[in-house]
Amino acid sequence: MNILLQNSFPMRQWHIEHMEKTIVKYVGGLAINATSWEKKQHKKYGSFANVCRQIDYDMKHGVTEDQVMMFIQSVRRNSSYAKVRKNEGALVRLEEVAGHYAAIAPAQLVVSKTY
């Protein structure tokens, strides 16, 4: 007997990838040799508020707070994102996003302290 199950979030994987791209794009910032069109788009859509709005939209469509915080941790530690972290102000922007979503889910933020 086949039972049809409802797929509550049919595009969950797309929204996870979109959240990842949004964070990487925001943390990476604007390139030094950006064209005037890229500068205009960055000014219009690259603000912290727009990034949070896009991530919140993705969260409404199946992305969890855990996934957001885990991806922020992977950007912080994974060597594949070293080029993104080298950009000026990248770590400040990453901490800004992490701080915003840590307020939503404080137990998920893993901070390493040395004593």
C-alpha atoms as a PDB file:
ATOM      1  CA  MET A   1       0.000   0.000   0.000  1.00  0.00           C
ATOM      2  CA  ASN A   2       1.452   3.335  -1.069  1.00  0.00           C
ATOM      3  CA  ILE A   3       1.008   6.221   1.287  1.00  0.00           C
ATOM      4  CA  LEU A   4       1.712   9.668  -0.033  1.00  0.00           C
ATOM      5  CA  LEU A   5       3.693  11.823   2.332  1.00  0.00           C
ATOM      6  CA  GLN A   6       3.613  15.578   2.225  1.00  0.00           C
ATOM      7  CA  ASN A   7       6.942  17.203   1.482  1.00  0.00           C
ATOM      8  CA  SER A   8       6.773  20.312   3.663  1.00  0.00           C
ATOM      9  CA  PHE A   9       9.943  21.822   2.229  1.00  0.00           C
ATOM     10  CA  PRO A  10      10.311  20.685  -1.387  1.00  0.00           C
ATOM     11  CA  MET A  11      13.242  23.020  -2.132  1.00  0.00           C
ATOM     12  CA  ARG A  12      15.116  22.647   1.160  1.00  0.00           C
ATOM     13  CA  GLN A  13      18.442  21.776  -0.491  1.00  0.00           C
ATOM     14  CA  TRP A  14      18.224  24.824  -2.766  1.00  0.00           C
ATOM     15  CA  HIS A  15      17.585  27.076   0.237  1.00  0.00           C
ATOM     16  CA  ILE A  16      20.529  25.558   2.119  1.00  0.00           C
ATOM     17  CA  GLU A  17      22.807  26.290  -0.832  1.00  0.00           C
ATOM     18  CA  HIS A  18      21.341  29.792  -1.160  1.00  0.00           C
ATOM     19  CA  MET A  19      22.021  30.488   2.522  1.00  0.00           C
ATOM     20  CA  GLU A  20      25.609  29.310   2.101  1.00  0.00           C
ATOM     21  CA  LYS A  21      26.155  31.472  -0.987  1.00  0.00           C
ATOM     22  CA  THR A  22      24.588  34.472   0.745  1.00  0.00           C
ATOM     23  CA  ILE A  23      26.893  34.195   3.755  1.00  0.00           C
ATOM     24  CA  VAL A  24      30.011  33.670   1.636  1.00  0.00           C
ATOM     25  CA  LYS A  25      29.106  36.600  -0.603  1.00  0.00           C
ATOM     26  CA  TYR A  26      28.488  38.908   2.368  1.00  0.00           C
ATOM     27  CA  VAL A  27      31.595  37.834   4.276  1.00  0.00           C
ATOM     28  CA  GLY A  28      33.760  38.084   1.159  1.00  0.00           C
ATOM     29  CA  GLY A  29      32.639  41.635   0.535  1.00  0.00           C
ATOM     30  CA  LEU A  30      33.084  43.640  -2.611  1.00  0.00           C
ATOM     31  CA  ALA A  31      36.096  42.918  -4.812  1.00  0.00           C
ATOM     32  CA  ILE A  32      38.716  45.626  -5.230  1.00  0.00           C
ATOM     33  CA  ASN A  33      38.344  45.573  -9.005  1.00  0.00           C
ATOM     34  CA  ALA A  34      34.526  45.452  -9.002  1.00  0.00           C
ATOM     35  CA  THR A  35      32.678  46.950 -11.933  1.00  0.00           C
ATOM     36  CA  SER A  36      30.324  49.870 -11.480  1.00  0.00           C
ATOM     37  CA  TRP A  37      27.352  47.511 -11.878  1.00  0.00           C
ATOM     38  CA  GLU A  38      28.700  45.234  -9.118  1.00  0.00           C
ATOM     39  CA  LYS A  39      29.229  48.256  -6.848  1.00  0.00           C
ATOM     40  CA  LYS A  40      25.673  49.413  -7.502  1.00  0.00           C
ATOM     41  CA  GLN A  41      24.253  45.948  -6.794  1.00  0.00           C
ATOM     42  CA  HIS A  42      26.364  45.639  -3.650  1.00  0.00           C
ATOM     43  CA  LYS A  43      25.168  49.008  -2.391  1.00  0.00           C
ATOM     44  CA  LYS A  44      21.549  48.049  -3.064  1.00  0.00           C
ATOM     45  CA  TYR A  45      21.529  44.410  -1.878  1.00  0.00           C
ATOM     46  CA  GLY A  46      24.748  43.828   0.079  1.00  0.00           C
ATOM     47  CA  SER A  47      23.742  45.302   3.423  1.00  0.00           C
ATOM     48  CA  PHE A  48      23.582  43.325   6.642  1.00  0.00           C
ATOM     49  CA  ALA A  49      19.801  43.791   6.776  1.00  0.00           C
ATOM     50  CA  ASN A  50      19.333  42.324   3.295  1.00  0.00           C
ATOM     51  CA  VAL A  51      21.578  39.370   4.099  1.00  0.00           C
ATOM     52  CA  CYS A  52      19.609  38.633   7.272  1.00  0.00           C
ATOM     53  CA  ARG A  53      16.345  38.972   5.345  1.00  0.00           C
ATOM     54  CA  GLN A  54      17.532  36.449   2.750  1.00  0.00           C
ATOM     55  CA  ILE A  55      18.715  33.993   5.397  1.00  0.00           C
ATOM     56  CA  ASP A  56      15.441  34.388   7.319  1.00  0.00           C
ATOM     57  CA  TYR A  57      13.547  33.647   4.103  1.00  0.00           C
ATOM     58  CA  ASP A  58      15.635  30.498   3.651  1.00  0.00           C
ATOM     59  CA  MET A  59      14.885  29.542   7.255  1.00  0.00           C
ATOM     60  CA  LYS A  60      11.164  29.793   6.530  1.00  0.00           C
ATOM     61  CA  HIS A  61      11.706  27.258   3.769  1.00  0.00           C
ATOM     62  CA  GLY A  62      13.502  24.531   5.691  1.00  0.00           C
ATOM     63  CA  VAL A  63      16.947  25.770   6.712  1.00  0.00           C
ATOM     64  CA  THR A  64      17.453  25.354  10.453  1.00  0.00           C
ATOM     65  CA  GLU A  65      19.348  27.565  12.902  1.00  0.00           C
ATOM     66  CA  ASP A  66      21.725  24.652  13.426  1.00  0.00           C
ATOM     67  CA  GLN A  67      22.582  24.572   9.730  1.00  0.00           C
ATOM     68  CA  VAL A  68      23.224  28.319   9.693  1.00  0.00           C
ATOM     69  CA  MET A  69      25.497  28.162  12.734  1.00  0.00           C
ATOM     70  CA  MET A  70      27.293  25.049  11.471  1.00  0.00           C
ATOM     71  CA  PHE A  71      27.978  26.754   8.158  1.00  0.00           C
ATOM     72  CA  ILE A  72      29.276  29.876   9.920  1.00  0.00           C
ATOM     73  CA  GLN A  73      31.588  27.631  11.947  1.00  0.00           C
ATOM     74  CA  SER A  74      32.788  25.908   8.771  1.00  0.00           C
ATOM     75  CA  VAL A  75      33.542  29.275   7.134  1.00  0.00           C
ATOM     76  CA  ARG A  76      35.446  30.227  10.266  1.00  0.00           C
ATOM     77  CA  ARG A  77      37.538  27.038  10.362  1.00  0.00           C
ATOM     78  CA  ASN A  78      37.543  25.278   6.974  1.00  0.00           C
ATOM     79  CA  SER A  79      40.600  25.843   4.810  1.00  0.00           C
ATOM     80  CA  SER A  80      38.466  25.968   1.654  1.00  0.00           C
ATOM     81  CA  TYR A  81      37.148  29.370   2.822  1.00  0.00           C
ATOM     82  CA  ALA A  82      40.612  30.804   3.569  1.00  0.00           C
ATOM     83  CA  LYS A  83      40.441  33.070   0.525  1.00  0.00           C
ATOM     84  CA  VAL A  84      37.138  34.525   1.738  1.00  0.00           C
ATOM     85  CA  ARG A  85      38.532  35.112   5.243  1.00  0.00           C
ATOM     86  CA  LYS A  86      41.573  36.979   3.867  1.00  0.00           C
ATOM     87  CA  ASN A  87      39.433  39.853   2.591  1.00  0.00           C
ATOM     88  CA  GLU A  88      39.504  43.027   4.624  1.00  0.00           C
ATOM     89  CA  GLY A  89      36.787  43.043   7.283  1.00  0.00           C
ATOM     90  CA  ALA A  90      35.668  39.493   6.513  1.00  0.00           C
ATOM     91  CA  LEU A  91      35.954  38.218  10.071  1.00  0.00           C
ATOM     92  CA  VAL A  92      34.078  41.257  11.390  1.00  0.00           C
ATOM     93  CA  ARG A  93      31.216  40.600   8.967  1.00  0.00           C
ATOM     94  CA  LEU A  94      31.245  36.895   9.831  1.00  0.00           C
ATOM     95  CA  GLU A  95      31.019  37.694  13.541  1.00  0.00           C
ATOM     96  CA  GLU A  96      28.192  40.128  12.790  1.00  0.00           C
ATOM     97  CA  VAL A  97      26.148  37.377  11.122  1.00  0.00           C
ATOM     98  CA  ALA A  98      27.093  34.854  13.805  1.00  0.00           C
ATOM     99  CA  GLY A  99      26.068  37.289  16.530  1.00  0.00           C
ATOM    100  CA  HIS A 100      22.709  37.879  14.914  1.00  0.00           C
ATOM    101  CA  TYR A 101      21.894  34.186  14.643  1.00  0.00           C
ATOM    102  CA  ALA A 102      23.466  33.316  17.998  1.00  0.00           C
ATOM    103  CA  ALA A 103      20.814  35.532  19.578  1.00  0.00           C
ATOM    104  CA  ILE A 104      18.200  33.292  17.939  1.00  0.00           C
ATOM    105  CA  ALA A 105      19.871  30.023  18.923  1.00  0.00           C
ATOM    106  CA  PRO A 106      22.443  30.704  21.670  1.00  0.00           C
ATOM    107  CA  ALA A 107      23.076  27.039  22.466  1.00  0.00           C
ATOM    108  CA  GLN A 108      24.300  26.286  18.946  1.00  0.00           C
ATOM    109  CA  LEU A 109      27.189  28.769  18.920  1.00  0.00           C
ATOM    110  CA  VAL A 110      30.453  27.054  19.735  1.00  0.00           C
ATOM    111  CA  VAL A 111      33.076  29.479  20.959  1.00  0.00           C
ATOM    112  CA  SER A 112      36.508  28.205  21.798  1.00  0.00           C
ATOM    113  CA  LYS A 113      38.192  29.914  24.732  1.00  0.00           C
ATOM    114  CA  THR A 114      41.700  29.468  25.979  1.00  0.00           C
ATOM    115  CA  TYR A 115      42.293  29.788  29.687  1.00  0.00           C
END
